[in-house]
Amino acid sequence: MPISKEEKQEIIKKFGNNKDDTGSPEVQIAILTHRIRELTDHVKVHKKDNHTRRGLVQLVSKRKKLLKYLIRKKVDSYVNIIKELDIRG
């Protein structure tokens, strides 16, 4: 199930610089993390859904690349987002 507009706006408000900030790495990582958690629950229930599993792996890879970028550019922001989202860094 895709992320709702309200959930997305809440994430943008929490991690973005302003209400229209959807391009910053912090917001993108937060949105990807939300989608990853939803898909992880789906894959746990539907073990043979390999198409969703492939999409999940792609999302995790994309988030990993964004985290690598963030650690290169803004280390303090990287540490904050790792703590806020409770993900491994």
N, C-alpha and C. Protein backbone atom coordinates (compact mmCIF):
# COMPACT_ATOMS: atom_id res chain seq x y z
N MET A 1 0.84 -1.17 0.00
CA MET A 1 0.00 0.00 0.00
C MET A 1 0.89 1.24 0.00
N PRO A 2 0.64 2.18 -0.90
CA PRO A 2 1.50 3.36 -0.97
C PRO A 2 1.31 4.26 0.25
N ILE A 3 2.26 5.12 0.44
CA ILE A 3 2.24 6.05 1.56
C ILE A 3 1.15 7.10 1.31
N SER A 4 0.38 7.41 2.34
CA SER A 4 -0.70 8.39 2.17
C SER A 4 -0.13 9.81 2.18
N LYS A 5 -0.91 10.75 1.67
CA LYS A 5 -0.46 12.13 1.60
C LYS A 5 -0.21 12.71 2.99
N GLU A 6 -1.06 12.34 3.94
CA GLU A 6 -0.91 12.86 5.29
C GLU A 6 0.38 12.36 5.94
N GLU A 7 0.66 11.06 5.75
CA GLU A 7 1.89 10.50 6.30
C GLU A 7 3.12 11.15 5.66
N LYS A 8 3.05 11.36 4.36
CA LYS A 8 4.17 11.96 3.65
C LYS A 8 4.40 13.40 4.12
N GLN A 9 3.31 14.16 4.28
CA GLN A 9 3.43 15.54 4.75
C GLN A 9 4.01 15.59 6.16
N GLU A 10 3.62 14.63 7.00
CA GLU A 10 4.14 14.57 8.36
C GLU A 10 5.65 14.30 8.35
N ILE A 11 6.08 13.39 7.49
CA ILE A 11 7.51 13.09 7.38
C ILE A 11 8.27 14.30 6.87
N ILE A 12 7.70 14.99 5.87
CA ILE A 12 8.36 16.17 5.31
C ILE A 12 8.47 17.26 6.36
N LYS A 13 7.41 17.43 7.15
CA LYS A 13 7.43 18.46 8.19
C LYS A 13 8.47 18.14 9.25
N LYS A 14 8.64 16.85 9.56
CA LYS A 14 9.56 16.45 10.61
C LYS A 14 11.03 16.54 10.17
N PHE A 15 11.32 16.10 8.94
CA PHE A 15 12.71 16.00 8.50
C PHE A 15 13.14 17.07 7.51
N GLY A 16 12.19 17.79 6.90
CA GLY A 16 12.53 18.76 5.87
C GLY A 16 12.86 20.12 6.42
N ASN A 17 13.40 20.97 5.55
CA ASN A 17 13.72 22.35 5.93
C ASN A 17 12.48 23.22 5.91
N ASN A 18 11.55 22.95 4.98
CA ASN A 18 10.27 23.64 4.92
C ASN A 18 9.21 22.66 4.45
N LYS A 19 7.98 23.14 4.24
CA LYS A 19 6.88 22.22 3.92
C LYS A 19 6.95 21.65 2.51
N ASP A 20 7.73 22.26 1.64
CA ASP A 20 7.85 21.79 0.26
C ASP A 20 9.17 21.07 -0.01
N ASP A 21 9.92 20.80 1.03
CA ASP A 21 11.25 20.19 0.88
C ASP A 21 11.12 18.68 0.75
N THR A 22 11.04 18.20 -0.48
CA THR A 22 10.96 16.75 -0.70
C THR A 22 12.26 16.20 -1.29
N GLY A 23 13.19 17.06 -1.63
CA GLY A 23 14.39 16.61 -2.32
C GLY A 23 15.60 16.42 -1.43
N SER A 24 15.53 16.89 -0.21
CA SER A 24 16.70 16.74 0.66
C SER A 24 16.90 15.27 1.01
N PRO A 25 18.14 14.86 1.19
CA PRO A 25 18.41 13.45 1.47
C PRO A 25 17.73 12.96 2.75
N GLU A 26 17.61 13.83 3.74
CA GLU A 26 16.98 13.43 5.00
C GLU A 26 15.53 13.01 4.77
N VAL A 27 14.80 13.80 3.99
CA VAL A 27 13.39 13.50 3.71
C VAL A 27 13.29 12.24 2.86
N GLN A 28 14.14 12.12 1.86
CA GLN A 28 14.09 10.94 1.00
C GLN A 28 14.38 9.67 1.80
N ILE A 29 15.34 9.73 2.71
CA ILE A 29 15.67 8.57 3.53
C ILE A 29 14.49 8.22 4.44
N ALA A 30 13.85 9.22 5.00
CA ALA A 30 12.71 8.97 5.90
C ALA A 30 11.54 8.34 5.14
N ILE A 31 11.26 8.83 3.94
CA ILE A 31 10.16 8.28 3.14
C ILE A 31 10.49 6.85 2.71
N LEU A 32 11.73 6.62 2.29
CA LEU A 32 12.13 5.26 1.91
C LEU A 32 12.04 4.31 3.10
N THR A 33 12.42 4.78 4.28
CA THR A 33 12.36 3.94 5.47
C THR A 33 10.92 3.55 5.77
N HIS A 34 9.99 4.49 5.61
CA HIS A 34 8.58 4.18 5.84
C HIS A 34 8.11 3.10 4.87
N ARG A 35 8.46 3.25 3.59
CA ARG A 35 8.06 2.26 2.58
C ARG A 35 8.72 0.91 2.84
N ILE A 36 9.98 0.91 3.25
CA ILE A 36 10.71 -0.32 3.52
C ILE A 36 10.04 -1.08 4.67
N ARG A 37 9.64 -0.37 5.70
CA ARG A 37 8.99 -1.04 6.83
C ARG A 37 7.66 -1.65 6.43
N GLU A 38 6.89 -0.94 5.60
CA GLU A 38 5.61 -1.49 5.14
C GLU A 38 5.84 -2.74 4.28
N LEU A 39 6.80 -2.67 3.36
CA LEU A 39 7.05 -3.81 2.50
C LEU A 39 7.65 -4.99 3.27
N THR A 40 8.41 -4.71 4.30
CA THR A 40 8.97 -5.79 5.11
C THR A 40 7.85 -6.58 5.78
N ASP A 41 6.84 -5.86 6.30
CA ASP A 41 5.70 -6.55 6.90
C ASP A 41 4.96 -7.38 5.86
N HIS A 42 4.81 -6.84 4.66
CA HIS A 42 4.13 -7.56 3.58
C HIS A 42 4.88 -8.84 3.21
N VAL A 43 6.20 -8.73 3.09
CA VAL A 43 7.00 -9.88 2.67
C VAL A 43 7.02 -10.96 3.76
N LYS A 44 6.91 -10.56 5.02
CA LYS A 44 6.86 -11.55 6.10
C LYS A 44 5.59 -12.40 5.99
N VAL A 45 4.49 -11.78 5.57
CA VAL A 45 3.23 -12.51 5.44
C VAL A 45 3.21 -13.33 4.16
N HIS A 46 3.60 -12.72 3.04
CA HIS A 46 3.57 -13.36 1.73
C HIS A 46 4.99 -13.76 1.33
N LYS A 47 5.39 -14.93 1.77
CA LYS A 47 6.77 -15.35 1.61
C LYS A 47 7.19 -15.63 0.17
N LYS A 48 6.24 -15.92 -0.70
CA LYS A 48 6.58 -16.26 -2.08
C LYS A 48 6.44 -15.08 -3.04
N ASP A 49 6.20 -13.90 -2.53
CA ASP A 49 6.03 -12.71 -3.37
C ASP A 49 7.41 -12.15 -3.72
N ASN A 50 8.00 -12.74 -4.75
CA ASN A 50 9.37 -12.37 -5.11
C ASN A 50 9.45 -11.01 -5.80
N HIS A 51 8.39 -10.57 -6.45
CA HIS A 51 8.41 -9.26 -7.09
C HIS A 51 8.51 -8.16 -6.04
N THR A 52 7.75 -8.29 -4.99
CA THR A 52 7.81 -7.30 -3.91
C THR A 52 9.15 -7.38 -3.20
N ARG A 53 9.67 -8.58 -3.04
CA ARG A 53 10.97 -8.74 -2.39
C ARG A 53 12.07 -8.03 -3.19
N ARG A 54 12.00 -8.13 -4.51
CA ARG A 54 12.97 -7.47 -5.38
C ARG A 54 12.86 -5.96 -5.23
N GLY A 55 11.63 -5.45 -5.20
CA GLY A 55 11.43 -4.02 -5.01
C GLY A 55 11.95 -3.55 -3.66
N LEU A 56 11.77 -4.38 -2.65
CA LEU A 56 12.26 -4.06 -1.31
C LEU A 56 13.78 -3.96 -1.31
N VAL A 57 14.43 -4.88 -1.96
CA VAL A 57 15.90 -4.86 -2.04
C VAL A 57 16.37 -3.60 -2.76
N GLN A 58 15.66 -3.21 -3.81
CA GLN A 58 16.02 -1.99 -4.53
C GLN A 58 15.87 -0.75 -3.65
N LEU A 59 14.79 -0.70 -2.86
CA LEU A 59 14.59 0.44 -1.97
C LEU A 59 15.68 0.51 -0.91
N VAL A 60 16.05 -0.64 -0.37
CA VAL A 60 17.11 -0.67 0.64
C VAL A 60 18.43 -0.19 0.03
N SER A 61 18.70 -0.59 -1.19
CA SER A 61 19.92 -0.16 -1.88
C SER A 61 19.91 1.34 -2.12
N LYS A 62 18.77 1.87 -2.52
CA LYS A 62 18.66 3.31 -2.76
C LYS A 62 18.87 4.09 -1.46
N ARG A 63 18.27 3.60 -0.36
CA ARG A 63 18.45 4.27 0.93
C ARG A 63 19.90 4.21 1.37
N LYS A 64 20.57 3.08 1.12
CA LYS A 64 21.98 2.94 1.49
C LYS A 64 22.84 3.95 0.75
N LYS A 65 22.55 4.16 -0.54
CA LYS A 65 23.30 5.15 -1.32
C LYS A 65 23.08 6.56 -0.79
N LEU A 66 21.84 6.87 -0.43
CA LEU A 66 21.55 8.19 0.13
C LEU A 66 22.24 8.38 1.47
N LEU A 67 22.29 7.33 2.29
CA LEU A 67 22.99 7.42 3.57
C LEU A 67 24.49 7.62 3.38
N LYS A 68 25.07 6.97 2.37
CA LYS A 68 26.49 7.16 2.07
C LYS A 68 26.75 8.60 1.64
N TYR A 69 25.86 9.16 0.84
CA TYR A 69 25.98 10.55 0.42
C TYR A 69 25.90 11.47 1.63
N LEU A 70 24.94 11.21 2.50
CA LEU A 70 24.72 12.06 3.66
C LEU A 70 25.90 12.03 4.62
N ILE A 71 26.51 10.86 4.80
CA ILE A 71 27.65 10.78 5.70
C ILE A 71 28.86 11.52 5.13
N ARG A 72 28.96 11.58 3.80
CA ARG A 72 30.04 12.34 3.17
C ARG A 72 29.83 13.85 3.32
N LYS A 73 28.59 14.30 3.19
CA LYS A 73 28.32 15.74 3.15
C LYS A 73 28.00 16.34 4.52
N LYS A 74 27.12 15.67 5.29
CA LYS A 74 26.69 16.23 6.59
C LYS A 74 26.66 15.11 7.62
N VAL A 75 27.73 14.98 8.36
CA VAL A 75 27.85 13.88 9.32
C VAL A 75 26.86 14.05 10.46
N ASP A 76 26.69 15.28 10.96
CA ASP A 76 25.77 15.49 12.09
C ASP A 76 24.33 15.16 11.70
N SER A 77 23.93 15.50 10.49
CA SER A 77 22.60 15.17 10.00
C SER A 77 22.44 13.66 9.86
N TYR A 78 23.50 12.99 9.43
CA TYR A 78 23.48 11.54 9.31
C TYR A 78 23.24 10.88 10.67
N VAL A 79 23.95 11.34 11.67
CA VAL A 79 23.80 10.77 13.01
C VAL A 79 22.39 11.00 13.54
N ASN A 80 21.86 12.20 13.32
CA ASN A 80 20.51 12.51 13.80
C ASN A 80 19.46 11.63 13.13
N ILE A 81 19.57 11.45 11.82
CA ILE A 81 18.54 10.68 11.11
C ILE A 81 18.63 9.20 11.46
N ILE A 82 19.82 8.70 11.72
CA ILE A 82 19.98 7.30 12.14
C ILE A 82 19.28 7.09 13.49
N LYS A 83 19.46 8.05 14.41
CA LYS A 83 18.81 7.93 15.72
C LYS A 83 17.30 8.09 15.61
N GLU A 84 16.83 9.06 14.83
CA GLU A 84 15.40 9.34 14.71
C GLU A 84 14.65 8.16 14.11
N LEU A 85 15.21 7.57 13.05
CA LEU A 85 14.52 6.50 12.33
C LEU A 85 14.81 5.13 12.91
N ASP A 86 15.77 5.06 13.83
CA ASP A 86 16.14 3.80 14.46
C ASP A 86 16.54 2.76 13.42
N ILE A 87 17.51 3.14 12.57
CA ILE A 87 18.05 2.23 11.57
C ILE A 87 19.53 2.07 11.80
N ARG A 88 20.08 1.00 11.23
CA ARG A 88 21.51 0.78 11.35
C ARG A 88 22.22 1.66 10.35
N GLY A 89 23.38 2.15 10.71
CA GLY A 89 24.10 3.06 9.86
C GLY A 89 25.29 2.50 9.23
